[in-house]
Amino acid sequence: MKLKLYTAILSGMILLASCKSASKLYEKGRYDEAVELAAKKLQKDPDDAKLLSTLRNAYQYALEDHEARIRSYHESSNELKWESMYNEYVSLQRMYDAIYKVPAVFNLVKPVNYSSFVVTYASKAAEVRYERAIALMEHYDKQNYRQAYRELQVALRLQPGDSRITTSLNEAWNGAVTNV
């Protein structure tokens, strides 16, 4: 009997701990998650004023945070900056998509659609990875072919279906494996 009681109490505690609140996420500075959760909850009740306020505030803070990071990456000399910028734009687009699913809220928040930026920076990031891989493959040794293969995998993830990357990926694979 005690075991059942303990199990019930433990289950209840886990359930309470797993319940997320958009306002709690917002207060913790997890703005992207707050936006997505608030948008999801607003699908059920688009007239919830407190949740709408949380969504607006979280979206504004997230937007400012991502855009500041994008500016910082843009000024960087790191050759992988395009990939970092791509990841920031993906996060911004994810929030746009979450808000877009709630038409009543969409018109109030007016989020920015970053899909063209996602495509542009995916292409730039893939090109950098591709060029790094080609430079590695020019060393003609297994270790560099292996590293080139990893670079090309990332490039292909950024530009799925790119035949040039796929061809180079196969070439890197052939150079990296030992045929017995």
Protein backbone atom coordinates (compact mmCIF):
# COMPACT_ATOMS: atom_id res chain seq x y z
CA MET A 1 0.00 0.00 0.00
CA LYS A 2 2.81 2.41 0.90
CA LEU A 3 4.53 1.61 -2.40
CA LYS A 4 1.42 2.63 -4.34
CA LEU A 5 1.16 5.84 -2.35
CA TYR A 6 4.82 6.69 -2.94
CA THR A 7 4.46 5.89 -6.63
CA ALA A 8 1.40 8.14 -6.90
CA ILE A 9 3.16 10.99 -5.09
CA LEU A 10 6.29 10.60 -7.20
CA SER A 11 4.23 10.52 -10.40
CA GLY A 12 2.41 13.68 -9.34
CA MET A 13 5.68 15.46 -8.59
CA ILE A 14 7.13 14.47 -11.95
CA LEU A 15 3.97 15.65 -13.69
CA LEU A 16 4.10 19.02 -11.95
CA ALA A 17 7.80 19.43 -12.68
CA SER A 18 7.32 18.62 -16.35
CA CYS A 19 4.53 21.19 -16.84
CA LYS A 20 6.06 24.17 -18.54
CA SER A 21 4.82 27.68 -18.37
CA ALA A 22 5.61 30.20 -21.07
CA SER A 23 5.96 32.93 -18.45
CA LYS A 24 8.44 30.82 -16.44
CA LEU A 25 10.50 30.18 -19.57
CA TYR A 26 10.39 33.90 -20.31
CA GLU A 27 11.52 34.76 -16.77
CA LYS A 28 14.42 32.31 -17.12
CA GLY A 29 15.53 34.02 -20.35
CA ARG A 30 14.57 31.08 -22.56
CA TYR A 31 12.77 33.36 -24.99
CA ASP A 32 12.60 31.08 -28.04
CA GLU A 33 11.01 28.31 -26.01
CA ALA A 34 8.63 30.79 -24.38
CA VAL A 35 7.49 32.03 -27.80
CA GLU A 36 6.93 28.53 -29.14
CA LEU A 37 5.06 27.35 -26.04
CA ALA A 38 2.94 30.51 -25.80
CA ALA A 39 2.03 30.25 -29.49
CA LYS A 40 1.08 26.60 -29.04
CA LYS A 41 -1.12 27.41 -26.04
CA LEU A 42 -2.66 30.39 -27.82
CA GLN A 43 -3.88 28.04 -30.55
CA LYS A 44 -6.35 26.73 -27.98
CA ASP A 45 -7.19 30.08 -26.39
CA PRO A 46 -6.19 33.08 -28.55
CA ASP A 47 -7.87 35.51 -26.14
CA ASP A 48 -5.53 34.83 -23.19
CA ALA A 49 -4.19 38.35 -22.55
CA LYS A 50 -1.40 37.30 -20.16
CA LEU A 51 -0.11 34.66 -22.55
CA LEU A 52 -0.29 37.09 -25.46
CA SER A 53 1.72 39.62 -23.48
CA THR A 54 4.31 36.96 -22.64
CA LEU A 55 4.50 35.99 -26.30
CA ARG A 56 5.01 39.58 -27.46
CA ASN A 57 7.70 40.27 -24.86
CA ALA A 58 9.50 36.97 -25.39
CA TYR A 59 9.44 37.43 -29.16
CA GLN A 60 10.88 40.94 -28.86
CA TYR A 61 13.69 39.84 -26.55
CA ALA A 62 14.46 36.78 -28.68
CA LEU A 63 14.48 38.89 -31.83
CA GLU A 64 16.91 41.40 -30.31
CA ASP A 65 19.11 38.62 -28.95
CA HIS A 66 19.36 36.73 -32.24
CA GLU A 67 19.90 39.87 -34.29
CA ALA A 68 22.69 41.00 -31.94
CA ARG A 69 24.40 37.64 -32.36
CA ILE A 70 23.97 37.81 -36.13
CA ARG A 71 25.64 41.24 -36.18
CA SER A 72 28.45 39.90 -34.00
CA TYR A 73 29.00 36.89 -36.25
CA HIS A 74 28.91 39.08 -39.34
CA GLU A 75 31.77 41.20 -37.99
CA SER A 76 33.76 38.10 -37.08
CA SER A 77 36.66 36.81 -39.14
CA ASN A 78 35.76 33.19 -38.39
CA GLU A 79 35.29 31.33 -41.67
CA LEU A 80 32.35 29.41 -40.20
CA LYS A 81 30.46 32.60 -39.36
CA TRP A 82 27.91 31.92 -42.14
CA GLU A 83 26.93 28.69 -40.44
CA SER A 84 26.48 30.46 -37.10
CA MET A 85 24.37 33.12 -38.79
CA TYR A 86 22.37 30.40 -40.52
CA ASN A 87 21.61 28.78 -37.15
CA GLU A 88 20.41 32.11 -35.75
CA TYR A 89 18.12 32.65 -38.74
CA VAL A 90 16.75 29.12 -38.35
CA SER A 91 15.83 29.94 -34.75
CA LEU A 92 14.14 33.17 -35.84
CA GLN A 93 12.25 31.33 -38.57
CA ARG A 94 11.12 28.64 -36.11
CA MET A 95 9.53 31.35 -33.95
CA TYR A 96 7.88 32.89 -37.02
CA ASP A 97 6.46 29.50 -37.97
CA ALA A 98 5.10 28.92 -34.44
CA ILE A 99 3.35 32.31 -34.42
CA TYR A 100 2.13 31.89 -38.01
CA LYS A 101 0.05 28.89 -36.89
CA VAL A 102 -2.12 31.22 -34.77
CA PRO A 103 -3.69 33.74 -37.20
CA ALA A 104 -5.28 35.88 -34.48
CA VAL A 105 -1.93 36.25 -32.74
CA PHE A 106 0.04 36.57 -35.97
CA ASN A 107 -1.69 39.85 -36.84
CA LEU A 108 -1.01 41.26 -33.37
CA VAL A 109 2.66 40.25 -33.08
CA LYS A 110 3.59 40.70 -36.76
CA PRO A 111 6.66 38.45 -36.73
CA VAL A 112 9.30 38.70 -39.44
CA ASN A 113 9.64 35.92 -42.00
CA TYR A 114 13.32 34.95 -42.27
CA SER A 115 12.96 32.11 -44.79
CA SER A 116 14.96 33.89 -47.50
CA PHE A 117 17.79 34.50 -45.01
CA VAL A 118 17.74 30.82 -44.04
CA VAL A 119 18.16 29.81 -47.68
CA THR A 120 20.87 32.40 -48.36
CA TYR A 121 22.99 31.58 -45.32
CA ALA A 122 22.56 27.83 -45.76
CA SER A 123 24.06 28.25 -49.21
CA LYS A 124 26.95 30.41 -47.97
CA ALA A 125 27.67 28.03 -45.08
CA ALA A 126 27.59 25.00 -47.39
CA GLU A 127 29.97 26.69 -49.82
CA VAL A 128 32.49 27.35 -47.03
CA ARG A 129 32.30 23.73 -45.88
CA TYR A 130 32.65 22.54 -49.47
CA GLU A 131 35.74 24.69 -50.07
CA ARG A 132 37.31 23.50 -46.82
CA ALA A 133 36.73 19.90 -47.90
CA ILE A 134 38.26 20.42 -51.33
CA ALA A 135 41.34 22.01 -49.74
CA LEU A 136 41.67 19.03 -47.39
CA MET A 137 41.33 16.51 -50.23
CA GLU A 138 44.24 18.16 -52.04
CA HIS A 139 46.57 16.67 -49.42
CA TYR A 140 45.78 13.15 -50.73
CA ASP A 141 46.02 11.32 -47.41
CA LYS A 142 43.45 9.31 -45.48
CA GLN A 143 43.27 11.63 -42.48
CA ASN A 144 42.49 14.66 -44.63
CA TYR A 145 39.99 12.68 -46.72
CA ARG A 146 38.22 11.70 -43.49
CA GLN A 147 38.07 15.30 -42.34
CA ALA A 148 36.90 16.35 -45.81
CA TYR A 149 34.16 13.71 -45.61
CA ARG A 150 32.92 15.23 -42.33
CA GLU A 151 32.99 18.72 -43.84
CA LEU A 152 31.02 17.51 -46.85
CA GLN A 153 28.44 15.81 -44.64
CA VAL A 154 27.76 19.17 -43.00
CA ALA A 155 27.65 20.87 -46.41
CA LEU A 156 25.15 18.30 -47.67
CA ARG A 157 22.99 18.79 -44.58
CA LEU A 158 22.94 22.50 -45.37
CA GLN A 159 22.32 21.97 -49.10
CA PRO A 160 20.47 18.65 -49.43
CA GLY A 161 20.59 17.11 -52.87
CA ASP A 162 23.49 19.21 -54.18
CA SER A 163 25.09 16.93 -56.77
CA ARG A 164 28.48 18.65 -56.61
CA ILE A 165 28.69 18.04 -52.86
CA THR A 166 27.45 14.46 -53.23
CA THR A 167 30.08 13.70 -55.87
CA SER A 168 32.83 15.14 -53.67
CA LEU A 169 31.46 13.25 -50.67
CA ASN A 170 31.80 9.97 -52.59
CA GLU A 171 35.32 10.94 -53.65
CA ALA A 172 36.25 11.74 -50.04
CA TRP A 173 34.79 8.41 -48.91
CA ASN A 174 36.84 6.53 -51.47
CA GLY A 175 40.00 8.34 -50.35
CA ALA A 176 39.26 7.78 -46.66
CA VAL A 177 38.62 4.03 -46.68
CA THR A 178 41.17 1.30 -46.99
CA ASN A 179 40.31 -1.23 -49.67
CA VAL A 180 41.49 -4.72 -48.78
